[in-house]
Amino acid sequence: APAAETPLPTGAPVVIPLKTISQISYTGPLQTGGQ
């Protein structure tokens, strides 16, 4: 059944800066076990 056409809800998101590898791939900062 069709739903109303509305934008997706927005809250207070966590902002994660990305790096690009020659405009082909994208990486983000991770910590695994604090590393």
PDB file of all heavy atoms in Angstrom:
ATOM      1  N   ALA A   1       0.839  -1.189   0.000  1.00  0.00           N
ATOM      2  CA  ALA A   1       0.000   0.000   0.000  1.00  0.00           C
ATOM      3  C   ALA A   1       0.874   1.238   0.000  1.00  0.00           C
ATOM      4  O   ALA A   1       1.830   1.329   0.766  1.00  0.00           O
ATOM      5  CB  ALA A   1      -0.900  -0.010   1.228  1.00  0.00           C
ATOM      6  N   PRO A   2       0.600   2.236  -0.853  1.00  0.00           N
ATOM      7  CA  PRO A   2       1.456   3.409  -0.935  1.00  0.00           C
ATOM      8  C   PRO A   2       1.428   4.215   0.351  1.00  0.00           C
ATOM      9  O   PRO A   2       0.407   4.337   1.013  1.00  0.00           O
ATOM     10  CB  PRO A   2       0.859   4.207  -2.104  1.00  0.00           C
ATOM     11  CG  PRO A   2      -0.558   3.742  -2.201  1.00  0.00           C
ATOM     12  CD  PRO A   2      -0.541   2.300  -1.783  1.00  0.00           C
ATOM     13  N   ALA A   3       2.598   4.758   0.693  1.00  0.00           N
ATOM     14  CA  ALA A   3       2.697   5.618   1.862  1.00  0.00           C
ATOM     15  C   ALA A   3       2.783   7.063   1.412  1.00  0.00           C
ATOM     16  O   ALA A   3       2.932   7.367   0.232  1.00  0.00           O
ATOM     17  CB  ALA A   3       3.932   5.247   2.676  1.00  0.00           C
ATOM     18  N   ALA A   4       2.684   7.983   2.344  1.00  0.00           N
ATOM     19  CA  ALA A   4       2.737   9.397   2.008  1.00  0.00           C
ATOM     20  C   ALA A   4       4.128   9.755   1.490  1.00  0.00           C
ATOM     21  O   ALA A   4       5.131   9.234   1.957  1.00  0.00           O
ATOM     22  CB  ALA A   4       2.412  10.242   3.235  1.00  0.00           C
ATOM     23  N   GLU A   5       4.181  10.675   0.518  1.00  0.00           N
ATOM     24  CA  GLU A   5       5.449  11.126  -0.044  1.00  0.00           C
ATOM     25  C   GLU A   5       6.037  12.188   0.876  1.00  0.00           C
ATOM     26  O   GLU A   5       5.649  13.349   0.850  1.00  0.00           O
ATOM     27  CB  GLU A   5       5.232  11.687  -1.446  1.00  0.00           C
ATOM     28  CG  GLU A   5       6.499  12.199  -2.123  1.00  0.00           C
ATOM     29  CD  GLU A   5       7.399  11.045  -2.523  1.00  0.00           C
ATOM     30  OE1 GLU A   5       6.911  10.101  -3.144  1.00  0.00           O
ATOM     31  OE2 GLU A   5       8.585  11.114  -2.201  1.00  0.00           O
ATOM     32  N   THR A   6       6.950  11.793   1.742  1.00  0.00           N
ATOM     33  CA  THR A   6       7.559  12.721   2.684  1.00  0.00           C
ATOM     34  C   THR A   6       9.057  12.459   2.741  1.00  0.00           C
ATOM     35  O   THR A   6       9.512  11.353   2.481  1.00  0.00           O
ATOM     36  CB  THR A   6       6.988  12.544   4.105  1.00  0.00           C
ATOM     37  OG1 THR A   6       7.183  11.187   4.517  1.00  0.00           O
ATOM     38  CG2 THR A   6       5.502  12.879   4.132  1.00  0.00           C
ATOM     39  N   PRO A   7       9.841  13.490   3.073  1.00  0.00           N
ATOM     40  CA  PRO A   7      11.283  13.264   3.248  1.00  0.00           C
ATOM     41  C   PRO A   7      11.539  12.280   4.374  1.00  0.00           C
ATOM     42  O   PRO A   7      10.718  12.112   5.280  1.00  0.00           O
ATOM     43  CB  PRO A   7      11.817  14.660   3.591  1.00  0.00           C
ATOM     44  CG  PRO A   7      10.752  15.615   3.161  1.00  0.00           C
ATOM     45  CD  PRO A   7       9.457  14.881   3.292  1.00  0.00           C
ATOM     46  N   LEU A   8      12.694  11.631   4.330  1.00  0.00           N
ATOM     47  CA  LEU A   8      13.057  10.752   5.416  1.00  0.00           C
ATOM     48  C   LEU A   8      13.292  11.590   6.675  1.00  0.00           C
ATOM     49  O   LEU A   8      13.762  12.719   6.595  1.00  0.00           O
ATOM     50  CB  LEU A   8      14.320   9.975   5.064  1.00  0.00           C
ATOM     51  CG  LEU A   8      14.214   9.074   3.830  1.00  0.00           C
ATOM     52  CD1 LEU A   8      15.529   8.354   3.597  1.00  0.00           C
ATOM     53  CD2 LEU A   8      13.091   8.069   3.977  1.00  0.00           C
ATOM     54  N   PRO A   9      12.964  11.060   7.832  1.00  0.00           N
ATOM     55  CA  PRO A   9      13.161  11.836   9.068  1.00  0.00           C
ATOM     56  C   PRO A   9      14.635  12.079   9.335  1.00  0.00           C
ATOM     57  O   PRO A   9      15.489  11.304   8.936  1.00  0.00           O
ATOM     58  CB  PRO A   9      12.553  10.930  10.145  1.00  0.00           C
ATOM     59  CG  PRO A   9      12.662   9.551   9.574  1.00  0.00           C
ATOM     60  CD  PRO A   9      12.448   9.714   8.092  1.00  0.00           C
ATOM     61  N   THR A  10      14.940  13.170   9.992  1.00  0.00           N
ATOM     62  CA  THR A  10      16.314  13.463  10.357  1.00  0.00           C
ATOM     63  C   THR A  10      16.402  13.761  11.840  1.00  0.00           C
ATOM     64  O   THR A  10      15.529  14.399  12.404  1.00  0.00           O
ATOM     65  CB  THR A  10      16.885  14.645   9.548  1.00  0.00           C
ATOM     66  OG1 THR A  10      18.241  14.848   9.922  1.00  0.00           O
ATOM     67  CG2 THR A  10      16.107  15.920   9.786  1.00  0.00           C
ATOM     68  N   GLY A  11      17.442  13.259  12.486  1.00  0.00           N
ATOM     69  CA  GLY A  11      17.642  13.508  13.893  1.00  0.00           C
ATOM     70  C   GLY A  11      18.936  14.279  14.098  1.00  0.00           C
ATOM     71  O   GLY A  11      19.230  15.236  13.398  1.00  0.00           O
ATOM     72  N   ALA A  12      19.733  13.861  15.075  1.00  0.00           N
ATOM     73  CA  ALA A  12      21.034  14.457  15.328  1.00  0.00           C
ATOM     74  C   ALA A  12      22.081  13.409  14.987  1.00  0.00           C
ATOM     75  O   ALA A  12      22.544  12.676  15.863  1.00  0.00           O
ATOM     76  CB  ALA A  12      21.145  14.906  16.774  1.00  0.00           C
ATOM     77  N   PRO A  13      22.462  13.277  13.728  1.00  0.00           N
ATOM     78  CA  PRO A  13      23.338  12.183  13.321  1.00  0.00           C
ATOM     79  C   PRO A  13      24.779  12.372  13.771  1.00  0.00           C
ATOM     80  O   PRO A  13      25.234  13.485  14.039  1.00  0.00           O
ATOM     81  CB  PRO A  13      23.242  12.221  11.791  1.00  0.00           C
ATOM     82  CG  PRO A  13      22.972  13.656  11.480  1.00  0.00           C
ATOM     83  CD  PRO A  13      22.087  14.148  12.596  1.00  0.00           C
ATOM     84  N   VAL A  14      25.498  11.267  13.832  1.00  0.00           N
ATOM     85  CA  VAL A  14      26.945  11.291  14.048  1.00  0.00           C
ATOM     86  C   VAL A  14      27.613  11.602  12.712  1.00  0.00           C
ATOM     87  O   VAL A  14      27.313  10.964  11.697  1.00  0.00           O
ATOM     88  CB  VAL A  14      27.440   9.934  14.590  1.00  0.00           C
ATOM     89  CG1 VAL A  14      28.952   9.940  14.727  1.00  0.00           C
ATOM     90  CG2 VAL A  14      26.771   9.617  15.920  1.00  0.00           C
ATOM     91  N   VAL A  15      28.496  12.580  12.694  1.00  0.00           N
ATOM     92  CA  VAL A  15      29.178  13.010  11.476  1.00  0.00           C
ATOM     93  C   VAL A  15      30.520  12.297  11.374  1.00  0.00           C
ATOM     94  O   VAL A  15      31.346  12.381  12.282  1.00  0.00           O
ATOM     95  CB  VAL A  15      29.383  14.535  11.470  1.00  0.00           C
ATOM     96  CG1 VAL A  15      30.109  14.967  10.199  1.00  0.00           C
ATOM     97  CG2 VAL A  15      28.049  15.258  11.602  1.00  0.00           C
ATOM     98  N   ILE A  16      30.736  11.597  10.277  1.00  0.00           N
ATOM     99  CA  ILE A  16      31.960  10.831  10.067  1.00  0.00           C
ATOM    100  C   ILE A  16      32.661  11.368   8.821  1.00  0.00           C
ATOM    101  O   ILE A  16      32.167  11.207   7.700  1.00  0.00           O
ATOM    102  CB  ILE A  16      31.654   9.332   9.901  1.00  0.00           C
ATOM    103  CG1 ILE A  16      30.942   8.813  11.151  1.00  0.00           C
ATOM    104  CG2 ILE A  16      32.930   8.539   9.633  1.00  0.00           C
ATOM    105  CD1 ILE A  16      30.261   7.489  10.957  1.00  0.00           C
ATOM    106  N   PRO A  17      33.811  12.028   8.968  1.00  0.00           N
ATOM    107  CA  PRO A  17      34.526  12.553   7.794  1.00  0.00           C
ATOM    108  C   PRO A  17      35.128  11.421   6.970  1.00  0.00           C
ATOM    109  O   PRO A  17      35.643  10.444   7.510  1.00  0.00           O
ATOM    110  CB  PRO A  17      35.621  13.431   8.409  1.00  0.00           C
ATOM    111  CG  PRO A  17      35.854  12.833   9.771  1.00  0.00           C
ATOM    112  CD  PRO A  17      34.525  12.311  10.237  1.00  0.00           C
ATOM    113  N   LEU A  18      35.060  11.573   5.656  1.00  0.00           N
ATOM    114  CA  LEU A  18      35.584  10.573   4.743  1.00  0.00           C
ATOM    115  C   LEU A  18      36.818  11.099   4.016  1.00  0.00           C
ATOM    116  O   LEU A  18      36.943  12.291   3.758  1.00  0.00           O
ATOM    117  CB  LEU A  18      34.528  10.175   3.704  1.00  0.00           C
ATOM    118  CG  LEU A  18      33.178   9.673   4.219  1.00  0.00           C
ATOM    119  CD1 LEU A  18      32.283   9.295   3.046  1.00  0.00           C
ATOM    120  CD2 LEU A  18      33.355   8.503   5.168  1.00  0.00           C
ATOM    121  N   LYS A  19      37.714  10.180   3.683  1.00  0.00           N
ATOM    122  CA  LYS A  19      38.828  10.465   2.795  1.00  0.00           C
ATOM    123  C   LYS A  19      38.571   9.749   1.474  1.00  0.00           C
ATOM    124  O   LYS A  19      37.946   8.687   1.444  1.00  0.00           O
ATOM    125  CB  LYS A  19      40.145   9.977   3.398  1.00  0.00           C
ATOM    126  CG  LYS A  19      40.540  10.650   4.710  1.00  0.00           C
ATOM    127  CD  LYS A  19      41.836  10.045   5.242  1.00  0.00           C
ATOM    128  CE  LYS A  19      42.232  10.649   6.569  1.00  0.00           C
ATOM    129  NZ  LYS A  19      43.466  10.013   7.109  1.00  0.00           N
ATOM    130  N   THR A  20      39.070  10.331   0.389  1.00  0.00           N
ATOM    131  CA  THR A  20      38.924   9.684  -0.904  1.00  0.00           C
ATOM    132  C   THR A  20      40.268   9.149  -1.379  1.00  0.00           C
ATOM    133  O   THR A  20      41.310   9.757  -1.112  1.00  0.00           O
ATOM    134  CB  THR A  20      38.356  10.641  -1.964  1.00  0.00           C
ATOM    135  OG1 THR A  20      38.220   9.947  -3.211  1.00  0.00           O
ATOM    136  CG2 THR A  20      39.243  11.843  -2.167  1.00  0.00           C
ATOM    137  N   ILE A  21      40.242   8.019  -2.030  1.00  0.00           N
ATOM    138  CA  ILE A  21      41.430   7.456  -2.675  1.00  0.00           C
ATOM    139  C   ILE A  21      41.278   7.709  -4.163  1.00  0.00           C
ATOM    140  O   ILE A  21      40.598   6.972  -4.878  1.00  0.00           O
ATOM    141  CB  ILE A  21      41.572   5.949  -2.389  1.00  0.00           C
ATOM    142  CG1 ILE A  21      41.589   5.692  -0.876  1.00  0.00           C
ATOM    143  CG2 ILE A  21      42.833   5.407  -3.038  1.00  0.00           C
ATOM    144  CD1 ILE A  21      41.601   4.225  -0.507  1.00  0.00           C
ATOM    145  N   SER A  22      41.835   8.852  -4.629  1.00  0.00           N
ATOM    146  CA  SER A  22      41.806   9.222  -6.054  1.00  0.00           C
ATOM    147  C   SER A  22      40.393   9.251  -6.615  1.00  0.00           C
ATOM    148  O   SER A  22      40.172   8.889  -7.777  1.00  0.00           O
ATOM    149  CB  SER A  22      42.686   8.265  -6.870  1.00  0.00           C
ATOM    150  OG  SER A  22      44.016   8.304  -6.412  1.00  0.00           O
ATOM    151  N   GLN A  23      39.409   9.679  -5.817  1.00  0.00           N
ATOM    152  CA  GLN A  23      38.019   9.809  -6.256  1.00  0.00           C
ATOM    153  C   GLN A  23      37.415   8.486  -6.708  1.00  0.00           C
ATOM    154  O   GLN A  23      36.440   8.476  -7.473  1.00  0.00           O
ATOM    155  CB  GLN A  23      37.906  10.846  -7.381  1.00  0.00           C
ATOM    156  CG  GLN A  23      38.399  12.216  -6.989  1.00  0.00           C
ATOM    157  CD  GLN A  23      38.371  13.217  -8.121  1.00  0.00           C
ATOM    158  OE1 GLN A  23      39.244  14.042  -8.268  1.00  0.00           O
ATOM    159  NE2 GLN A  23      37.346  13.138  -8.934  1.00  0.00           N
ATOM    160  N   ILE A  24      37.958   7.380  -6.230  1.00  0.00           N
ATOM    161  CA  ILE A  24      37.483   6.066  -6.636  1.00  0.00           C
ATOM    162  C   ILE A  24      36.901   5.298  -5.457  1.00  0.00           C
ATOM    163  O   ILE A  24      35.853   4.666  -5.557  1.00  0.00           O
ATOM    164  CB  ILE A  24      38.621   5.247  -7.284  1.00  0.00           C
ATOM    165  CG1 ILE A  24      39.042   5.885  -8.598  1.00  0.00           C
ATOM    166  CG2 ILE A  24      38.202   3.817  -7.506  1.00  0.00           C
ATOM    167  CD1 ILE A  24      37.990   5.842  -9.686  1.00  0.00           C
ATOM    168  N   SER A  25      37.576   5.341  -4.305  1.00  0.00           N
ATOM    169  CA  SER A  25      37.110   4.667  -3.101  1.00  0.00           C
ATOM    170  C   SER A  25      37.107   5.661  -1.945  1.00  0.00           C
ATOM    171  O   SER A  25      37.787   6.693  -1.993  1.00  0.00           O
ATOM    172  CB  SER A  25      38.014   3.479  -2.754  1.00  0.00           C
ATOM    173  OG  SER A  25      37.959   2.481  -3.750  1.00  0.00           O
ATOM    174  N   TYR A  26      36.342   5.321  -0.900  1.00  0.00           N
ATOM    175  CA  TYR A  26      36.208   6.218   0.243  1.00  0.00           C
ATOM    176  C   TYR A  26      36.465   5.454   1.535  1.00  0.00           C
ATOM    177  O   TYR A  26      36.000   4.327   1.716  1.00  0.00           O
ATOM    178  CB  TYR A  26      34.819   6.853   0.262  1.00  0.00           C
ATOM    179  CG  TYR A  26      34.633   7.819  -0.879  1.00  0.00           C
ATOM    180  CD1 TYR A  26      34.251   7.365  -2.141  1.00  0.00           C
ATOM    181  CD2 TYR A  26      34.888   9.173  -0.717  1.00  0.00           C
ATOM    182  CE1 TYR A  26      34.116   8.246  -3.204  1.00  0.00           C
ATOM    183  CE2 TYR A  26      34.753  10.068  -1.774  1.00  0.00           C
ATOM    184  CZ  TYR A  26      34.372   9.593  -3.015  1.00  0.00           C
ATOM    185  OH  TYR A  26      34.253  10.464  -4.069  1.00  0.00           O
ATOM    186  N   THR A  27      37.232   6.090   2.442  1.00  0.00           N
ATOM    187  CA  THR A  27      37.567   5.478   3.707  1.00  0.00           C
ATOM    188  C   THR A  27      37.074   6.339   4.860  1.00  0.00           C
ATOM    189  O   THR A  27      36.883   7.556   4.722  1.00  0.00           O
ATOM    190  CB  THR A  27      39.090   5.278   3.865  1.00  0.00           C
ATOM    191  OG1 THR A  27      39.731   6.565   3.941  1.00  0.00           O
ATOM    192  CG2 THR A  27      39.652   4.483   2.699  1.00  0.00           C
ATOM    193  N   GLY A  28      36.885   5.689   6.017  1.00  0.00           N
ATOM    194  CA  GLY A  28      36.482   6.380   7.224  1.00  0.00           C
ATOM    195  C   GLY A  28      37.348   5.945   8.390  1.00  0.00           C
ATOM    196  O   GLY A  28      37.991   4.889   8.343  1.00  0.00           O
ATOM    197  N   PRO A  29      37.380   6.755   9.467  1.00  0.00           N
ATOM    198  CA  PRO A  29      38.226   6.446  10.624  1.00  0.00           C
ATOM    199  C   PRO A  29      37.573   5.424  11.550  1.00  0.00           C
ATOM    200  O   PRO A  29      36.433   5.592  11.979  1.00  0.00           O
ATOM    201  CB  PRO A  29      38.359   7.808  11.321  1.00  0.00           C
ATOM    202  CG  PRO A  29      37.078   8.525  10.982  1.00  0.00           C
ATOM    203  CD  PRO A  29      36.690   8.054   9.610  1.00  0.00           C
ATOM    204  N   LEU A  30      38.306   4.377  11.865  1.00  0.00           N
ATOM    205  CA  LEU A  30      37.791   3.297  12.705  1.00  0.00           C
ATOM    206  C   LEU A  30      38.742   3.073  13.868  1.00  0.00           C
ATOM    207  O   LEU A  30      39.953   3.294  13.742  1.00  0.00           O
ATOM    208  CB  LEU A  30      37.669   2.006  11.890  1.00  0.00           C
ATOM    209  CG  LEU A  30      36.799   0.889  12.472  1.00  0.00           C
ATOM    210  CD1 LEU A  30      35.326   1.240  12.342  1.00  0.00           C
ATOM    211  CD2 LEU A  30      37.096  -0.440  11.785  1.00  0.00           C
ATOM    212  N   GLN A  31      38.198   2.642  14.985  1.00  0.00           N
ATOM    213  CA  GLN A  31      39.010   2.164  16.095  1.00  0.00           C
ATOM    214  C   GLN A  31      38.556   0.757  16.443  1.00  0.00           C
ATOM    215  O   GLN A  31      37.379   0.533  16.712  1.00  0.00           O
ATOM    216  CB  GLN A  31      38.877   3.068  17.320  1.00  0.00           C
ATOM    217  CG  GLN A  31      39.519   4.427  17.141  1.00  0.00           C
ATOM    218  CD  GLN A  31      39.635   5.183  18.446  1.00  0.00           C
ATOM    219  OE1 GLN A  31      40.222   4.692  19.406  1.00  0.00           O
ATOM    220  NE2 GLN A  31      39.069   6.376  18.472  1.00  0.00           N
ATOM    221  N   THR A  32      39.488  -0.171  16.385  1.00  0.00           N
ATOM    222  CA  THR A  32      39.218  -1.570  16.722  1.00  0.00           C
ATOM    223  C   THR A  32      40.015  -1.913  17.968  1.00  0.00           C
ATOM    224  O   THR A  32      41.250  -1.851  17.949  1.00  0.00           O
ATOM    225  CB  THR A  32      39.625  -2.495  15.561  1.00  0.00           C
ATOM    226  OG1 THR A  32      39.069  -2.005  14.340  1.00  0.00           O
ATOM    227  CG2 THR A  32      39.123  -3.910  15.811  1.00  0.00           C
ATOM    228  N   GLY A  33      39.311  -2.217  19.047  1.00  0.00           N
ATOM    229  CA  GLY A  33      40.003  -2.439  20.302  1.00  0.00           C
ATOM    230  C   GLY A  33      40.787  -1.219  20.749  1.00  0.00           C
ATOM    231  O   GLY A  33      41.836  -1.341  21.374  1.00  0.00           O
ATOM    232  N   GLY A  34      40.287  -0.016  20.395  1.00  0.00           N
ATOM    233  CA  GLY A  34      40.964   1.226  20.752  1.00  0.00           C
ATOM    234  C   GLY A  34      42.104   1.599  19.842  1.00  0.00           C
ATOM    235  O   GLY A  34      42.760   2.627  20.074  1.00  0.00           O
ATOM    236  N   GLN A  35      42.367   0.813  18.794  1.00  0.00           N
ATOM    237  CA  GLN A  35      43.470   1.069  17.866  1.00  0.00           C
ATOM    238  C   GLN A  35      42.928   1.649  16.567  1.00  0.00           C
ATOM    239  O   GLN A  35      41.943   1.149  16.013  1.00  0.00           O
ATOM    240  CB  GLN A  35      44.230  -0.227  17.598  1.00  0.00           C
ATOM    241  CG  GLN A  35      44.772  -0.889  18.867  1.00  0.00           C
ATOM    242  CD  GLN A  35      45.198  -2.320  18.624  1.00  0.00           C
ATOM    243  OE1 GLN A  35      45.967  -2.612  17.710  1.00  0.00           O
ATOM    244  NE2 GLN A  35      44.701  -3.235  19.449  1.00  0.00           N
TER     245      GLN A  35
END
